[in-house]
Protein backbone atom coordinates (compact mmCIF):
# COMPACT_ATOMS: atom_id res chain seq x y z
CA MET A 1 -93.29 -140.65 42.51
CA SER A 2 -90.26 -142.87 42.93
CA VAL A 3 -87.59 -144.52 40.79
CA VAL A 4 -86.48 -148.08 41.53
CA ALA A 5 -83.15 -149.54 40.42
CA LYS A 6 -81.88 -153.08 40.86
CA MET A 7 -78.25 -153.10 41.92
CA GLN A 8 -75.64 -155.69 42.77
CA CYS A 9 -73.08 -155.32 45.55
CA HIS A 10 -69.68 -155.33 43.84
CA GLU A 11 -67.65 -154.40 46.87
CA ALA A 12 -68.51 -155.68 50.33
CA PRO A 13 -67.74 -153.54 53.35
CA GLU A 14 -64.05 -153.06 53.84
CA LEU A 15 -62.07 -150.92 56.21
CA GLY A 16 -61.74 -147.33 55.06
CA SER A 17 -60.88 -144.14 56.86
CA TYR A 18 -62.06 -142.99 60.26
CA GLY A 19 -64.98 -140.70 60.92
CA GLU A 20 -65.18 -137.76 63.31
CA ASP A 21 -66.13 -140.03 66.22
CA ASN A 22 -63.25 -142.46 65.51
CA GLU A 23 -65.71 -145.01 64.14
CA ALA A 24 -64.39 -147.13 61.33
CA VAL A 25 -65.95 -146.09 58.01
CA LYS A 26 -66.42 -149.01 55.64
CA LYS A 27 -67.14 -148.75 51.94
CA VAL A 28 -69.99 -150.43 50.06
CA ARG A 29 -70.20 -150.19 46.25
CA LEU A 30 -73.31 -151.12 44.26
CA GLY A 31 -73.69 -151.19 40.48
CA ALA A 32 -76.77 -151.42 38.27
CA VAL A 33 -77.65 -154.92 37.05
CA TYR A 34 -77.40 -155.52 33.32
CA GLU A 35 -78.04 -158.38 30.89
CA GLY A 36 -76.96 -157.73 27.35
CA SER A 37 -78.47 -160.78 25.68
CA ALA A 38 -81.45 -159.79 23.49
CA GLU A 39 -82.95 -163.29 23.86
CA LYS A 40 -83.16 -162.94 27.64
CA GLN A 41 -84.45 -159.39 27.67
CA ALA A 42 -88.11 -160.36 27.23
CA ALA A 43 -88.18 -162.68 30.26
CA SER A 44 -85.46 -161.60 32.67
CA GLU A 45 -86.10 -159.07 35.43
CA ASN A 46 -82.40 -158.12 35.34
CA ALA A 47 -82.66 -157.40 31.61
CA ILE A 48 -85.72 -155.21 32.13
CA PHE A 49 -83.99 -153.20 34.86
CA GLY A 50 -80.85 -153.06 32.71
CA LYS A 51 -82.82 -151.66 29.78
CA TYR A 52 -84.12 -148.69 31.77
CA THR A 53 -81.12 -148.17 34.06
CA PRO A 54 -78.26 -149.58 31.96
CA TRP A 55 -75.59 -148.22 34.24
CA GLY A 56 -75.27 -146.62 37.62
CA GLU A 57 -73.21 -146.77 40.76
CA CYS A 58 -73.80 -146.06 44.41
CA VAL A 59 -70.86 -145.81 46.80
CA MET A 60 -71.47 -145.34 50.50
CA GLY A 61 -69.32 -144.98 53.58
CA ILE A 62 -71.08 -146.72 56.47
CA THR A 63 -70.38 -146.89 60.21
CA ASN A 64 -73.60 -148.62 61.37
CA PRO A 65 -72.71 -152.29 62.13
CA ALA A 66 -76.23 -153.53 61.28
CA ALA A 67 -76.10 -151.81 57.88
CA LEU A 68 -72.64 -153.25 57.22
CA LYS A 69 -73.90 -156.80 57.85
CA PHE A 70 -76.80 -156.22 55.43
CA PHE A 71 -74.60 -155.78 52.34
CA GLN A 72 -72.86 -158.83 50.88
CA ALA A 73 -70.77 -159.01 47.70
CA GLY A 74 -72.64 -160.61 44.81
CA LYS A 75 -76.13 -160.09 46.26
CA LYS A 76 -78.68 -157.93 44.47
CA TYR A 77 -80.75 -155.16 46.06
CA TYR A 78 -83.62 -152.91 45.03
CA VAL A 79 -82.83 -149.24 45.56
CA THR A 80 -85.78 -146.85 45.70
CA PHE A 81 -85.24 -143.15 45.18
CA THR A 82 -87.92 -140.80 46.52
CA GLU A 83 -87.75 -137.05 46.85
CA ALA A 84 -86.81 -135.91 50.36
CA PRO A 85 -88.22 -132.79 51.98
CA GLU A 86 -85.81 -129.89 52.51
């Protein structure tokens, strides 16, 4: 089983603190998409995701340059949660 959320990048990578290996840690902040208009809820994918995950936030500190380039403010992303083994 998995749970999928649709999130928008509200904060693009910006310089944060420094990690143990002196790599710059940059912050990415995602928030759940939401459309409040009842008229749009029947047809809009964002409204459907917003109905079932009306709020949520994911904040990550990232040092991987490729991952930092992936996230851009204003873009939307699907986030899939699956259970991880111990």
